[in-house]
């Protein structure tokens, strides 16, 4: 399957968290396409598109599956930042673990998980929000 979206990688710092690999990806229809080679050094990347308001955290799980989380706080739709053990919303203090589960309110809903599929060269993230 050919990928119409282009991806480039850049180093990315996450506040006080650990540096992450930032992947620039174009939205192709309602999908982001991330090359599997992006996981050569780490088991996660942050995917950014100029066409989207929020980044996506994409992690390779120990079972080989990929989990994509929308980096948008479920309290008031502000961006969340990656930390060494999850995510934080600096607007009102909500905290989420690395799986996107709420640790600290005011958010009461978990981060939104986006569906992923894999082919030989790319991870496809379906960017359709509820």
Protein backbone atom coordinates (compact mmCIF):
# COMPACT_ATOMS: atom_id res chain seq x y z
CA UNK A 1 0.00 0.00 0.00
CA UNK A 2 1.47 3.35 -1.00
CA UNK A 3 1.45 6.21 1.45
CA UNK A 4 0.41 9.61 0.18
CA UNK A 5 1.42 11.31 3.43
CA UNK A 6 5.04 12.25 3.98
CA UNK A 7 6.70 11.73 7.35
CA UNK A 8 9.90 13.27 8.67
CA UNK A 9 11.41 12.90 12.10
CA UNK A 10 12.67 15.63 14.38
CA UNK A 11 13.89 15.56 17.97
CA UNK A 12 11.24 16.85 20.36
CA UNK A 13 11.45 17.86 24.01
CA UNK A 14 8.46 17.42 26.28
CA UNK A 15 8.86 19.93 29.08
CA UNK A 16 10.27 18.06 32.07
CA UNK A 17 9.63 14.67 30.47
CA UNK A 18 11.94 12.56 28.41
CA UNK A 19 12.78 13.59 24.83
CA UNK A 20 10.51 12.01 22.25
CA UNK A 21 10.81 11.52 18.54
CA UNK A 22 8.49 13.90 16.71
CA UNK A 23 7.06 12.61 13.44
CA UNK A 24 5.57 15.11 10.99
CA UNK A 25 2.77 13.37 9.10
CA UNK A 26 0.14 14.51 6.63
CA UNK A 27 -3.49 13.64 7.03
CA UNK A 28 -4.53 11.42 4.13
CA UNK A 29 -8.33 11.33 4.17
CA UNK A 30 -9.00 10.52 7.82
CA UNK A 31 -5.69 8.70 8.46
CA UNK A 32 -2.20 9.56 9.61
CA UNK A 33 0.54 7.32 8.20
CA UNK A 34 3.66 6.68 10.32
CA UNK A 35 6.56 4.62 8.97
CA UNK A 36 7.48 1.57 11.05
CA UNK A 37 11.10 2.75 10.86
CA UNK A 38 10.15 5.57 13.27
CA UNK A 39 10.40 2.96 16.06
CA UNK A 40 14.04 2.08 15.46
CA UNK A 41 15.26 3.91 18.59
CA UNK A 42 12.26 4.18 20.93
CA UNK A 43 8.98 2.38 21.53
CA UNK A 44 6.96 5.59 21.14
CA UNK A 45 6.74 8.71 18.99
CA UNK A 46 4.65 11.86 18.93
CA UNK A 47 2.85 12.38 15.63
CA UNK A 48 2.12 15.93 14.49
CA UNK A 49 0.21 17.20 11.48
CA UNK A 50 -0.24 20.81 10.42
CA UNK A 51 -3.81 19.86 9.52
CA UNK A 52 -4.72 18.82 13.08
CA UNK A 53 -5.06 20.79 16.29
CA UNK A 54 -3.64 18.08 18.60
CA UNK A 55 -0.68 15.70 18.46
CA UNK A 56 -1.04 11.93 18.75
CA UNK A 57 1.07 9.76 21.08
CA UNK A 58 1.86 6.47 19.33
CA UNK A 59 3.38 3.63 21.34
CA UNK A 60 4.51 0.15 20.38
CA UNK A 61 3.20 -2.21 23.06
CA UNK A 62 5.10 -5.28 24.29
CA UNK A 63 2.76 -7.54 22.27
CA UNK A 64 3.73 -5.75 19.01
CA UNK A 65 0.46 -3.82 18.71
CA UNK A 66 0.38 -0.03 18.47
CA UNK A 67 -1.68 2.26 20.69
CA UNK A 68 -2.50 5.83 19.61
CA UNK A 69 -3.73 8.43 22.11
CA UNK A 70 -5.03 11.87 21.21
CA UNK A 71 -2.99 14.38 23.24
CA UNK A 72 -6.06 16.40 24.20
CA UNK A 73 -7.28 16.69 27.77
CA UNK A 74 -10.80 15.37 28.23
CA UNK A 75 -11.62 18.05 30.80
CA UNK A 76 -11.59 21.19 28.64
CA UNK A 77 -9.91 20.12 25.38
CA UNK A 78 -6.48 21.59 26.12
CA UNK A 79 -3.24 19.95 24.91
CA UNK A 80 -1.54 17.49 27.23
CA UNK A 81 2.22 17.16 27.55
CA UNK A 82 4.18 13.91 27.75
CA UNK A 83 5.93 13.30 31.08
CA UNK A 84 8.27 10.49 32.11
CA UNK A 85 5.31 8.43 33.38
CA UNK A 86 2.29 9.65 31.39
CA UNK A 87 0.67 12.95 30.48
CA UNK A 88 -0.25 16.20 32.21
CA UNK A 89 -2.57 19.04 31.30
CA UNK A 90 -0.97 22.24 32.54
CA UNK A 91 -4.22 24.17 32.24
CA UNK A 92 -6.03 22.62 35.25
CA UNK A 93 -3.66 19.89 36.47
CA UNK A 94 -5.28 16.71 35.13
CA UNK A 95 -2.88 13.77 34.95
CA UNK A 96 -3.07 10.58 32.90
CA UNK A 97 -0.92 7.44 32.95
CA UNK A 98 0.90 6.15 29.87
CA UNK A 99 -2.19 4.16 28.85
CA UNK A 100 -4.27 7.37 28.91
CA UNK A 101 -6.16 6.50 32.12
CA UNK A 102 -7.11 9.38 34.45
CA UNK A 103 -4.89 9.64 37.52
CA UNK A 104 -5.79 13.12 38.76
CA UNK A 105 -8.95 15.15 38.18
CA UNK A 106 -10.54 17.50 37.11
CA UNK A 107 -10.62 15.25 34.01
CA UNK A 108 -12.87 12.23 34.62
CA UNK A 109 -12.64 10.61 31.17
CA UNK A 110 -9.57 8.82 29.83
CA UNK A 111 -7.64 10.17 26.85
CA UNK A 112 -9.20 9.20 23.52
CA UNK A 113 -7.65 6.13 21.91
CA UNK A 114 -7.54 6.21 18.11
CA UNK A 115 -7.74 2.96 16.10
CA UNK A 116 -4.57 1.75 14.38
CA UNK A 117 -3.80 -0.75 11.64
CA UNK A 118 -0.44 -1.95 10.32
CA UNK A 119 0.81 -2.98 6.91
CA UNK A 120 4.35 -3.93 5.85
CA UNK A 121 5.75 -0.39 6.08
CA UNK A 122 3.32 1.89 7.93
CA UNK A 123 1.12 2.26 10.97
CA UNK A 124 -2.18 3.88 10.00
CA UNK A 125 -3.94 5.97 12.65
CA UNK A 126 -7.64 6.56 12.04
CA UNK A 127 -8.30 10.17 13.04
CA UNK A 128 -12.05 10.21 13.41
CA UNK A 129 -13.13 11.88 16.64
CA UNK A 130 -16.35 11.07 18.51
